[in-house]
Amino acid sequence: MKRRKLLSSTPFAVRADAPYTAFVEFRRRLLRTLGAVQPVLDEPGVLVVGSEVPNLIEPNAAATLVVSQDVDLGVPVHCHAAVKERLRDVQHLHPSVDEPSVWIPDTSELIEVNFIGMDSALQDATEVYIIEDNELPMVVFGALSLVRPGPPVTVEGLTIPVPRLAGLLVEKLLTDRSAEKGARDLLVALALLTLAREDDLAEVDETYAHLAPEHRHAVLSNLTLLSLMERRPGMPDPGPHRARIAALLRRLERTKENSV
């Protein structure tokens, strides 16, 4: 299993607008896709880490649903070989010829699946490297080292492994992408924030306090940016939650002062 540094990542496709009927259609296709990749989801350590997580955690919270054209599965690097074996049991999807880490559906009833790497040993949240493999190459993102497995959720008979809310929230707030991808990450962070309880926020405090100073600055900057964002079609609306965003910003500023 070879590794090499990656200088930049490729942005994911994003649907620009999504009326209410598209939310219903997307959720249906998402769940069918997760059912199709259940053999992979059954591998311990694999997590759904994309924009769909907030709505999987709280399925009845329609405001947390982010419409997408794909779903991201986080694969711990030590599970790479086991996941390749489990992919042999996946039906109705196949690897892209150009990018085998992306699996393309054979039917319009499913959506694309992206396999991305997680390495808990990484200390730098900005580090990115590639696992080179003929069957399943993966980009490994350092920020995903903040993500830890949470309790699995059961949705319409599917058992879906998801991360703990706090780590994924901080990971999304560490985004350094611009334009649509950066905005998308921040709005996913907003959806997670709307679901956060006090114990989640305490875990956010702890995760934030252990970040490098430049990464703490990035989190605060992105929270400020999020507080100024306008509503975007197909994504959570920051408007009703500006007070909640401001409260988290103040909370993390106090954590920063106490950690100095």
Protein backbone atom coordinates (compact mmCIF):
# COMPACT_ATOMS: atom_id res chain seq x y z
CA MET A 1 0.00 0.00 0.00
CA LYS A 2 1.86 3.11 -1.23
CA ARG A 3 1.36 6.63 0.03
CA ARG A 4 2.28 9.99 -1.42
CA LYS A 5 1.50 13.58 -0.55
CA LEU A 6 -1.37 15.34 -2.30
CA LEU A 7 -1.07 19.06 -2.94
CA SER A 8 -4.71 19.77 -3.66
CA SER A 9 -8.00 17.93 -3.73
CA THR A 10 -10.68 17.79 -6.37
CA PRO A 11 -13.96 19.56 -5.50
CA PHE A 12 -17.09 17.48 -5.40
CA ALA A 13 -20.11 18.19 -7.58
CA VAL A 14 -22.89 20.07 -5.82
CA ARG A 15 -26.49 20.52 -6.84
CA ALA A 16 -27.22 24.24 -6.99
CA ASP A 17 -30.90 24.20 -6.11
CA ALA A 18 -33.32 21.71 -4.67
CA PRO A 19 -37.07 22.25 -4.19
CA TYR A 20 -38.90 20.30 -1.53
CA THR A 21 -39.63 17.36 -3.83
CA ALA A 22 -35.90 17.01 -4.45
CA PHE A 23 -35.34 16.57 -0.69
CA VAL A 24 -37.73 13.63 -0.64
CA GLU A 25 -36.21 12.11 -3.79
CA PHE A 26 -32.64 12.60 -2.54
CA ARG A 27 -33.35 10.99 0.81
CA ARG A 28 -34.92 7.99 -0.91
CA ARG A 29 -31.90 7.57 -3.21
CA LEU A 30 -29.50 8.09 -0.30
CA LEU A 31 -31.04 5.33 1.78
CA ARG A 32 -31.11 2.96 -1.18
CA THR A 33 -27.44 3.67 -1.79
CA LEU A 34 -26.53 3.06 1.84
CA GLY A 35 -28.44 -0.22 1.62
CA ALA A 36 -26.42 -1.17 -1.46
CA VAL A 37 -23.12 -0.55 0.35
CA GLN A 38 -24.22 -2.18 3.61
CA PRO A 39 -21.45 -4.82 3.29
CA VAL A 40 -18.90 -1.99 3.52
CA LEU A 41 -20.79 -0.23 6.32
CA ASP A 42 -20.62 -3.48 8.29
CA GLU A 43 -16.82 -3.23 8.43
CA PRO A 44 -15.93 -1.88 11.91
CA GLY A 45 -14.53 1.64 11.71
CA VAL A 46 -16.13 2.67 8.41
CA LEU A 47 -18.30 5.78 8.81
CA VAL A 48 -20.61 7.92 6.75
CA VAL A 49 -18.84 11.29 6.98
CA GLY A 50 -20.53 13.47 4.35
CA SER A 51 -23.15 16.18 4.40
CA GLU A 52 -25.90 13.62 5.02
CA VAL A 53 -24.83 12.88 8.60
CA PRO A 54 -26.95 15.54 10.38
CA ASN A 55 -30.15 14.23 8.85
CA LEU A 56 -29.20 10.62 9.53
CA ILE A 57 -28.67 11.49 13.20
CA GLU A 58 -32.06 13.23 13.37
CA PRO A 59 -34.14 11.98 10.42
CA ASN A 60 -37.20 14.08 11.30
CA ALA A 61 -35.26 17.35 11.25
CA ALA A 62 -35.93 18.35 7.66
CA ALA A 63 -33.94 21.57 8.06
CA THR A 64 -30.72 19.55 8.50
CA LEU A 65 -30.94 17.80 5.14
CA VAL A 66 -28.34 18.86 2.59
CA VAL A 67 -29.14 17.66 -0.93
CA SER A 68 -26.09 16.18 -2.65
CA GLN A 69 -25.13 14.11 -5.66
CA ASP A 70 -22.96 11.70 -3.66
CA VAL A 71 -22.25 10.25 -0.24
CA ASP A 72 -18.83 10.09 1.45
CA LEU A 73 -17.69 6.98 3.29
CA GLY A 74 -14.70 7.37 5.59
CA VAL A 75 -12.39 4.33 5.60
CA PRO A 76 -9.73 4.00 8.33
CA VAL A 77 -6.42 3.29 6.65
CA HIS A 78 -5.97 0.09 8.66
CA CYS A 79 -9.27 -1.18 7.21
CA HIS A 80 -8.29 -0.58 3.60
CA ALA A 81 -7.68 -4.24 2.71
CA ALA A 82 -10.82 -5.43 4.50
CA VAL A 83 -12.97 -2.85 2.73
CA LYS A 84 -11.64 -3.98 -0.64
CA GLU A 85 -12.80 -7.49 0.21
CA ARG A 86 -16.25 -6.25 1.21
CA LEU A 87 -16.62 -4.27 -2.02
CA ARG A 88 -16.91 -7.59 -3.82
CA ASP A 89 -20.35 -7.98 -2.21
CA VAL A 90 -21.61 -4.55 -3.31
CA GLN A 91 -24.15 -4.62 -6.13
CA HIS A 92 -25.58 -1.98 -8.45
CA LEU A 93 -22.48 0.23 -8.21
CA HIS A 94 -19.11 0.00 -9.92
CA PRO A 95 -15.80 1.89 -9.70
CA SER A 96 -15.23 4.80 -12.02
CA VAL A 97 -12.65 4.08 -14.70
CA ASP A 98 -11.04 7.49 -14.19
CA GLU A 99 -11.21 7.51 -10.37
CA PRO A 100 -11.69 4.10 -8.71
CA SER A 101 -12.30 5.70 -5.30
CA VAL A 102 -15.62 6.90 -6.72
CA TRP A 103 -18.25 4.21 -7.26
CA ILE A 104 -20.89 5.03 -9.84
CA PRO A 105 -24.44 3.68 -9.68
CA ASP A 106 -25.79 1.37 -12.36
CA THR A 107 -29.24 2.87 -11.88
CA SER A 108 -30.72 6.31 -11.31
CA GLU A 109 -32.19 4.98 -8.06
CA LEU A 110 -28.78 5.36 -6.38
CA ILE A 111 -26.16 8.10 -5.98
CA GLU A 112 -22.37 8.06 -6.26
CA VAL A 113 -20.24 6.84 -3.36
CA ASN A 114 -16.87 8.42 -2.54
CA PHE A 115 -14.35 6.45 -0.49
CA ILE A 116 -12.03 8.72 1.50
CA GLY A 117 -9.32 7.80 3.98
CA MET A 118 -9.11 8.48 7.70
CA ASP A 119 -5.84 8.22 9.63
CA SER A 120 -6.19 8.75 13.37
CA ALA A 121 -2.39 8.89 13.72
CA LEU A 122 -2.12 12.18 11.83
CA GLN A 123 -1.30 15.16 14.02
CA ASP A 124 -1.67 17.87 11.38
CA ALA A 125 -5.28 18.56 10.40
CA THR A 126 -4.14 20.06 7.11
CA GLU A 127 -2.11 17.05 5.98
CA VAL A 128 -3.38 15.21 2.92
CA TYR A 129 -1.89 12.14 1.27
CA ILE A 130 -2.92 9.45 -1.20
CA ILE A 131 -3.07 5.69 -0.75
CA GLU A 132 -2.17 4.37 -4.17
CA ASP A 133 -3.92 1.15 -5.02
CA ASN A 134 -5.19 -0.30 -8.30
CA GLU A 135 -8.54 -1.32 -6.84
CA LEU A 136 -9.27 1.37 -4.25
CA PRO A 137 -7.00 4.41 -4.17
CA MET A 138 -7.99 6.89 -1.49
CA VAL A 139 -7.28 10.46 -0.53
CA VAL A 140 -6.57 10.64 3.22
CA PHE A 141 -7.55 13.92 4.86
CA GLY A 142 -5.83 14.97 8.07
CA ALA A 143 -8.90 16.81 9.34
CA LEU A 144 -10.77 13.49 9.48
CA SER A 145 -8.36 12.43 12.24
CA LEU A 146 -10.67 14.48 14.48
CA VAL A 147 -13.59 12.16 13.70
CA ARG A 148 -14.45 9.33 16.08
CA PRO A 149 -17.15 6.66 15.73
CA GLY A 150 -20.44 7.46 17.40
CA PRO A 151 -23.42 5.24 18.15
CA PRO A 152 -24.81 3.80 14.90
CA VAL A 153 -28.23 5.00 13.82
CA THR A 154 -31.06 2.89 12.50
CA VAL A 155 -33.02 4.41 9.63
CA GLU A 156 -35.73 2.45 7.82
CA GLY A 157 -34.18 -0.86 8.78
CA LEU A 158 -30.59 0.14 7.91
CA THR A 159 -27.84 0.24 10.52
CA ILE A 160 -25.68 3.20 9.59
CA PRO A 161 -22.34 4.00 11.29
CA VAL A 162 -21.93 7.72 11.87
CA PRO A 163 -19.31 9.84 13.66
CA ARG A 164 -19.64 11.55 16.99
CA LEU A 165 -21.18 14.94 16.35
CA ALA A 166 -18.45 17.08 17.91
CA GLY A 167 -15.51 15.80 15.88
CA LEU A 168 -17.36 16.11 12.59
CA LEU A 169 -18.53 19.61 13.50
CA VAL A 170 -14.97 20.77 14.14
CA GLU A 171 -13.77 19.02 10.97
CA LYS A 172 -16.34 20.94 8.89
CA LEU A 173 -15.36 24.21 10.58
CA LEU A 174 -11.74 23.61 9.59
CA THR A 175 -12.61 23.85 5.90
CA ASP A 176 -10.12 25.83 3.86
CA ARG A 177 -11.95 25.44 0.58
CA SER A 178 -13.43 28.45 -1.13
CA ALA A 179 -16.63 29.04 -3.09
CA GLU A 180 -19.34 26.38 -3.12
CA LYS A 181 -17.46 23.55 -1.39
CA GLY A 182 -16.38 25.77 1.49
CA ALA A 183 -19.89 27.16 1.91
CA ARG A 184 -21.28 23.65 1.84
CA ASP A 185 -18.98 22.45 4.63
CA LEU A 186 -19.96 25.40 6.80
CA LEU A 187 -23.67 24.78 6.27
CA VAL A 188 -23.19 21.13 7.19
CA ALA A 189 -21.48 22.40 10.36
CA LEU A 190 -24.57 24.55 10.97
CA ALA A 191 -26.85 21.53 10.63
CA LEU A 192 -24.71 19.66 13.17
CA LEU A 193 -24.74 22.64 15.51
CA THR A 194 -28.55 22.72 15.52
CA LEU A 195 -28.49 19.14 16.84
CA ALA A 196 -25.74 19.64 19.42
CA ARG A 197 -26.51 19.08 23.08
CA GLU A 198 -24.44 20.39 25.97
CA ASP A 199 -22.31 17.24 26.11
CA ASP A 200 -21.59 17.61 22.38
CA LEU A 201 -20.55 21.23 22.89
CA ALA A 202 -18.29 20.24 25.78
CA GLU A 203 -16.62 17.75 23.43
CA VAL A 204 -16.29 20.51 20.82
CA ASP A 205 -14.53 22.62 23.47
CA GLU A 206 -12.07 19.83 24.20
CA THR A 207 -11.37 19.08 20.53
CA TYR A 208 -10.93 22.77 19.75
CA ALA A 209 -8.56 23.30 22.70
CA HIS A 210 -6.19 20.63 21.33
CA LEU A 211 -5.96 22.19 17.87
CA ALA A 212 -2.87 24.07 16.75
CA PRO A 213 -3.24 27.86 17.13
CA GLU A 214 -3.61 28.42 13.39
CA HIS A 215 -6.36 25.81 13.22
CA ARG A 216 -8.22 27.39 16.15
CA HIS A 217 -8.04 30.67 14.28
CA ALA A 218 -9.47 29.00 11.16
CA VAL A 219 -12.41 27.61 13.15
CA LEU A 220 -13.25 31.03 14.60
CA SER A 221 -12.90 32.69 11.20
CA ASN A 222 -15.21 30.16 9.59
CA LEU A 223 -17.78 30.57 12.36
CA THR A 224 -17.74 34.30 11.72
CA LEU A 225 -18.18 33.68 8.02
CA LEU A 226 -21.05 31.29 8.72
CA SER A 227 -22.80 33.92 10.80
CA LEU A 228 -22.83 36.24 7.77
CA MET A 229 -23.95 33.73 5.16
CA GLU A 230 -27.29 34.03 3.43
CA ARG A 231 -29.70 31.23 2.74
CA ARG A 232 -28.81 28.87 -0.13
CA PRO A 233 -31.28 26.57 -1.89
CA GLY A 234 -31.05 22.95 -0.82
CA MET A 235 -29.06 23.75 2.33
CA PRO A 236 -29.80 24.70 5.96
CA ASP A 237 -30.73 28.35 6.50
CA PRO A 238 -28.32 30.26 8.80
CA GLY A 239 -30.88 33.01 9.46
CA PRO A 240 -32.84 31.42 12.32
CA HIS A 241 -29.62 30.17 13.97
CA ARG A 242 -27.40 33.25 14.07
CA ALA A 243 -27.72 33.50 17.86
CA ARG A 244 -26.65 29.86 18.20
CA ILE A 245 -23.64 30.48 15.95
CA ALA A 246 -22.69 33.58 17.95
CA ALA A 247 -22.97 31.62 21.21
CA LEU A 248 -20.58 28.93 19.93
CA LEU A 249 -18.18 31.61 18.73
CA ARG A 250 -18.13 33.23 22.19
CA ARG A 251 -17.76 29.84 23.83
CA LEU A 252 -14.73 28.90 21.72
CA GLU A 253 -13.16 32.31 22.20
CA ARG A 254 -13.30 31.69 25.97
CA THR A 255 -11.81 28.24 25.45
CA LYS A 256 -9.01 29.82 23.43
CA GLU A 257 -8.29 32.34 26.16
CA ASN A 258 -8.24 29.65 28.84
CA SER A 259 -5.86 27.48 26.84
CA VAL A 260 -3.26 30.22 26.40
